[in-house]
Amino acid sequence: MSNKITIAIDGHSSTGKSTIAKQIANKLGYVYVDSGAMYRAVTLYAMKQGLINEDDFNIEALIDQLNKIDISFKFNENLGFAEVYLNDENVEKAIRTLEVSGFVSKVAAVSEVRKKLVAIQQQIGNDKGVVMDGRDIGTVVFPDAELKIFMTASAETRAERRYKELIDRGDDVIYENVLKNVQERDYLDSTRKDSPLIKADDAIEIDNSNLSLQEQHDKVLGLVTKMIKLN
């Protein structure tokens, strides 16, 4: 009898959801899925096809082309996690730009996009033993997940983290623009009609504004270990 569980990690942008999810998945030998990367991949597709820009978003055209979008994850042994592929092209770096971040919440608000990606996510998690992070994992994708965690931190703290991440990879960005993006995404993610970002009733909230990566890791691993023992 397997005691594998499903771990859903939700929260605002740049709260370190992906970092902790990767760590826990590697520790347990679980499948890790970055659901946000899937929405970023659809956003990148829309940008490349000229369907979204600062002035316009052709939602109907994107919906019509959803069947042309194939998103997959391929494990990179050197990195220790699965990278995102859009129509067989590695887009792991391309989807992490501030430009993609500026449009992703609008794309993620499209019901047809969410329906397509949620179906893929649920299929991946059929056999449990999965750690998935995003905005609606504990509320929509896996409402019966054994462990639900909701990550939060102040907008300023998250913007500083995101700014450093972008600078470290060589992007030319301004902190004020990163902070504005974080705040705009918070608003869009929390107020969209379809699957808004909300804390599940049975989720455990972790504010990591003042936690080190090690403290955060130890706290989450403790919760995971306890839940696995109960199942």
Protein backbone atom coordinates (compact mmCIF):
# COMPACT_ATOMS: atom_id res chain seq x y z
CA MET A 1 0.00 0.00 0.00
CA SER A 2 1.52 3.29 -1.09
CA ASN A 3 1.68 6.15 1.36
CA LYS A 4 2.50 8.71 -1.30
CA ILE A 5 0.58 11.96 -0.97
CA THR A 6 -0.29 14.96 -3.10
CA ILE A 7 1.29 18.24 -2.00
CA ALA A 8 -0.29 21.48 -3.23
CA ILE A 9 1.69 24.69 -2.76
CA ASP A 10 -0.15 27.90 -3.62
CA GLY A 11 0.67 31.54 -3.07
CA HIS A 12 1.49 34.92 -4.52
CA SER A 13 4.16 35.48 -7.16
CA SER A 14 7.80 35.33 -6.04
CA THR A 15 7.11 33.70 -2.69
CA GLY A 16 9.57 30.93 -3.45
CA LYS A 17 6.90 28.33 -4.18
CA SER A 18 8.89 26.71 -6.97
CA THR A 19 12.11 26.62 -4.95
CA ILE A 20 10.58 24.81 -1.98
CA ALA A 21 8.46 22.56 -4.23
CA LYS A 22 11.57 21.42 -6.14
CA GLN A 23 13.44 20.77 -2.89
CA ILE A 24 10.63 18.70 -1.39
CA ALA A 25 10.05 16.76 -4.62
CA ASN A 26 13.77 15.91 -4.87
CA LYS A 27 13.89 14.90 -1.21
CA LEU A 28 10.90 12.55 -1.56
CA GLY A 29 11.53 11.36 -5.11
CA TYR A 30 8.18 12.89 -6.13
CA VAL A 31 7.19 14.40 -9.47
CA TYR A 32 7.48 18.21 -9.43
CA VAL A 33 5.19 20.35 -11.57
CA ASP A 34 5.47 24.12 -11.86
CA SER A 35 1.93 24.98 -12.97
CA GLY A 36 2.84 28.65 -13.30
CA ALA A 37 5.41 27.71 -15.94
CA MET A 38 2.60 26.17 -17.98
CA TYR A 39 0.69 29.46 -17.99
CA ARG A 40 3.91 31.29 -18.83
CA ALA A 41 4.42 28.95 -21.79
CA VAL A 42 0.94 29.73 -23.14
CA THR A 43 1.70 33.43 -22.62
CA LEU A 44 4.97 33.13 -24.55
CA TYR A 45 3.08 31.40 -27.37
CA ALA A 46 0.53 34.24 -27.44
CA MET A 47 3.33 36.83 -27.54
CA LYS A 48 5.15 35.06 -30.36
CA GLN A 49 1.94 34.84 -32.38
CA GLY A 50 1.22 38.54 -31.83
CA LEU A 51 -1.95 37.79 -29.87
CA ILE A 52 -1.05 39.90 -26.85
CA ASN A 53 0.80 43.15 -26.33
CA GLU A 54 0.51 46.31 -24.23
CA ASP A 55 -2.49 47.55 -26.21
CA ASP A 56 -4.40 44.45 -27.23
CA PHE A 57 -5.21 40.85 -26.26
CA ASN A 58 -6.92 38.72 -28.91
CA ILE A 59 -8.52 36.21 -26.55
CA GLU A 60 -10.67 34.57 -29.25
CA ALA A 61 -7.63 33.84 -31.44
CA LEU A 62 -5.75 32.35 -28.49
CA ILE A 63 -8.70 30.10 -27.64
CA ASP A 64 -8.88 28.99 -31.28
CA GLN A 65 -5.18 28.07 -31.22
CA LEU A 66 -5.08 26.20 -27.90
CA ASN A 67 -5.05 22.87 -29.74
CA LYS A 68 -1.74 23.95 -31.33
CA ILE A 69 -0.08 24.37 -27.94
CA ASP A 70 1.77 21.39 -26.50
CA ILE A 71 3.42 21.81 -23.11
CA SER A 72 5.68 19.17 -21.60
CA PHE A 73 8.32 18.80 -18.89
CA LYS A 74 11.65 17.09 -19.48
CA PHE A 75 13.97 16.27 -16.59
CA ASN A 76 17.41 17.88 -16.80
CA GLU A 77 19.86 15.78 -14.77
CA ASN A 78 22.41 18.60 -14.63
CA LEU A 79 19.89 21.02 -13.14
CA GLY A 80 18.05 18.48 -11.03
CA PHE A 81 14.58 19.49 -12.18
CA ALA A 82 12.30 19.29 -15.20
CA GLU A 83 12.45 22.11 -17.74
CA VAL A 84 9.45 23.40 -19.68
CA TYR A 85 9.05 22.70 -23.39
CA LEU A 86 6.63 24.52 -25.67
CA ASN A 87 5.95 22.58 -28.86
CA ASP A 88 9.20 20.63 -28.31
CA GLU A 89 11.28 23.81 -27.77
CA ASN A 90 13.01 24.39 -24.43
CA VAL A 91 11.54 27.67 -23.17
CA GLU A 92 12.66 27.44 -19.52
CA LYS A 93 14.60 30.72 -19.72
CA ALA A 94 12.34 32.51 -22.21
CA ILE A 95 9.26 32.20 -19.98
CA ARG A 96 10.97 33.79 -16.96
CA THR A 97 11.34 37.30 -18.39
CA LEU A 98 9.63 40.34 -16.88
CA GLU A 99 7.81 40.82 -20.20
CA VAL A 100 6.16 37.42 -19.89
CA SER A 101 5.42 38.18 -16.23
CA GLY A 102 3.61 41.31 -17.34
CA PHE A 103 1.09 39.35 -19.43
CA VAL A 104 0.77 35.98 -17.71
CA SER A 105 -2.00 36.95 -15.26
CA LYS A 106 -4.18 38.13 -18.16
CA VAL A 107 -3.64 34.87 -20.04
CA ALA A 108 -4.24 32.83 -16.88
CA ALA A 109 -7.60 34.56 -16.40
CA VAL A 110 -8.96 33.02 -19.63
CA SER A 111 -11.28 30.17 -18.62
CA GLU A 112 -10.50 28.03 -21.67
CA VAL A 113 -6.76 28.25 -20.94
CA ARG A 114 -7.31 27.24 -17.32
CA LYS A 115 -9.55 24.34 -18.34
CA LYS A 116 -6.90 22.95 -20.71
CA LEU A 117 -4.04 23.25 -18.24
CA VAL A 118 -5.96 22.05 -15.18
CA ALA A 119 -6.87 18.87 -17.09
CA ILE A 120 -3.18 18.27 -17.85
CA GLN A 121 -2.20 18.97 -14.23
CA GLN A 122 -4.83 16.60 -12.84
CA GLN A 123 -3.70 13.86 -15.21
CA ILE A 124 -0.10 14.26 -14.02
CA GLY A 125 -1.24 13.93 -10.40
CA ASN A 126 -3.42 10.84 -10.88
CA ASP A 127 -0.96 8.53 -9.13
CA LYS A 128 -0.11 10.88 -6.24
CA GLY A 129 3.54 11.34 -5.33
CA VAL A 130 3.42 14.83 -6.82
CA VAL A 131 4.38 18.30 -5.62
CA MET A 132 2.68 21.04 -7.61
CA ASP A 133 2.85 24.77 -7.07
CA GLY A 134 0.69 27.54 -8.49
CA ARG A 135 -2.31 29.72 -7.71
CA ASP A 136 -5.24 27.28 -7.58
CA ILE A 137 -3.68 23.89 -6.87
CA GLY A 138 -5.28 23.36 -3.47
CA THR A 139 -8.61 24.92 -4.44
CA VAL A 140 -9.22 23.68 -8.01
CA VAL A 141 -6.60 21.24 -9.31
CA PHE A 142 -6.24 19.06 -6.21
CA PRO A 143 -8.99 20.04 -3.74
CA ASP A 144 -8.45 16.67 -1.98
CA ALA A 145 -4.67 17.04 -1.62
CA GLU A 146 -3.44 15.61 1.66
CA LEU A 147 -1.20 18.64 2.28
CA LYS A 148 -1.96 22.19 1.18
CA ILE A 149 0.43 25.04 1.84
CA PHE A 150 -0.20 28.72 1.11
CA MET A 151 2.95 30.84 0.77
CA THR A 152 2.93 34.57 1.32
CA ALA A 153 5.33 37.47 1.91
CA SER A 154 5.20 41.25 1.63
CA ALA A 155 5.11 42.68 -1.90
CA GLU A 156 8.37 44.53 -1.25
CA THR A 157 10.16 41.38 -0.09
CA ARG A 158 8.93 39.46 -3.12
CA ALA A 159 9.92 42.24 -5.51
CA GLU A 160 13.44 42.32 -4.04
CA ARG A 161 13.77 38.56 -4.55
CA ARG A 162 12.47 38.73 -8.11
CA TYR A 163 14.69 41.75 -8.92
CA LYS A 164 17.81 39.92 -7.67
CA GLU A 165 16.85 36.80 -9.62
CA LEU A 166 16.47 38.77 -12.86
CA ILE A 167 19.68 40.75 -12.32
CA ASP A 168 21.63 37.58 -11.53
CA ARG A 169 20.59 36.03 -14.85
CA GLY A 170 21.63 39.15 -16.76
CA ASP A 171 18.32 40.91 -17.36
CA ASP A 172 18.27 44.71 -17.45
CA VAL A 173 15.48 45.63 -15.03
CA ILE A 174 14.52 48.38 -12.59
CA TYR A 175 13.35 47.49 -9.07
CA GLU A 176 10.35 49.84 -9.24
CA ASN A 177 9.11 48.07 -12.37
CA VAL A 178 9.49 44.69 -10.71
CA LEU A 179 7.54 45.89 -7.65
CA LYS A 180 4.79 47.29 -9.88
CA ASN A 181 4.58 43.96 -11.72
CA VAL A 182 4.29 42.03 -8.44
CA GLN A 183 1.51 44.31 -7.20
CA GLU A 184 -0.39 44.19 -10.51
CA ARG A 185 -0.17 40.38 -10.60
CA ASP A 186 -1.42 40.16 -7.02
CA TYR A 187 -4.47 42.20 -7.98
CA LEU A 188 -5.20 40.31 -11.20
CA ASP A 189 -4.62 36.88 -9.66
CA SER A 190 -6.83 37.61 -6.65
CA THR A 191 -9.72 39.27 -8.51
CA ARG A 192 -10.12 37.13 -11.63
CA LYS A 193 -13.51 35.43 -11.97
CA ASP A 194 -12.18 31.95 -12.78
CA SER A 195 -10.19 30.25 -10.00
CA PRO A 196 -8.91 33.35 -8.20
CA LEU A 197 -5.89 33.11 -5.93
CA ILE A 198 -7.35 32.36 -2.49
CA LYS A 199 -6.14 30.34 0.45
CA ALA A 200 -7.91 26.98 0.72
CA ASP A 201 -9.77 26.57 4.01
CA ASP A 202 -7.56 23.64 5.00
CA ALA A 203 -4.26 25.12 3.78
CA ILE A 204 -1.43 25.93 6.17
CA GLU A 205 -0.22 29.50 5.65
CA ILE A 206 3.50 30.25 5.77
CA ASP A 207 4.71 33.87 5.70
CA ASN A 208 8.33 33.60 4.65
CA SER A 209 9.12 37.33 4.63
CA ASN A 210 11.67 36.78 7.41
CA LEU A 211 12.52 33.11 6.90
CA SER A 212 15.81 31.91 5.44
CA LEU A 213 15.65 29.26 2.71
CA GLN A 214 16.84 26.67 5.22
CA GLU A 215 14.21 27.67 7.81
CA GLN A 216 11.51 27.51 5.17
CA HIS A 217 12.73 24.13 3.95
CA ASP A 218 12.80 22.67 7.47
CA LYS A 219 9.33 23.99 8.25
CA VAL A 220 7.73 22.58 5.11
CA LEU A 221 9.59 19.27 5.34
CA GLY A 222 8.31 18.90 8.89
CA LEU A 223 4.73 19.33 7.69
CA VAL A 224 5.28 16.87 4.84
CA THR A 225 6.85 14.22 7.07
CA LYS A 226 4.01 14.49 9.56
CA MET A 227 1.35 14.16 6.84
CA ILE A 228 3.03 11.15 5.19
CA LYS A 229 3.07 9.35 8.55
CA LEU A 230 -0.67 9.96 8.89
CA ASN A 231 -1.43 8.37 5.50
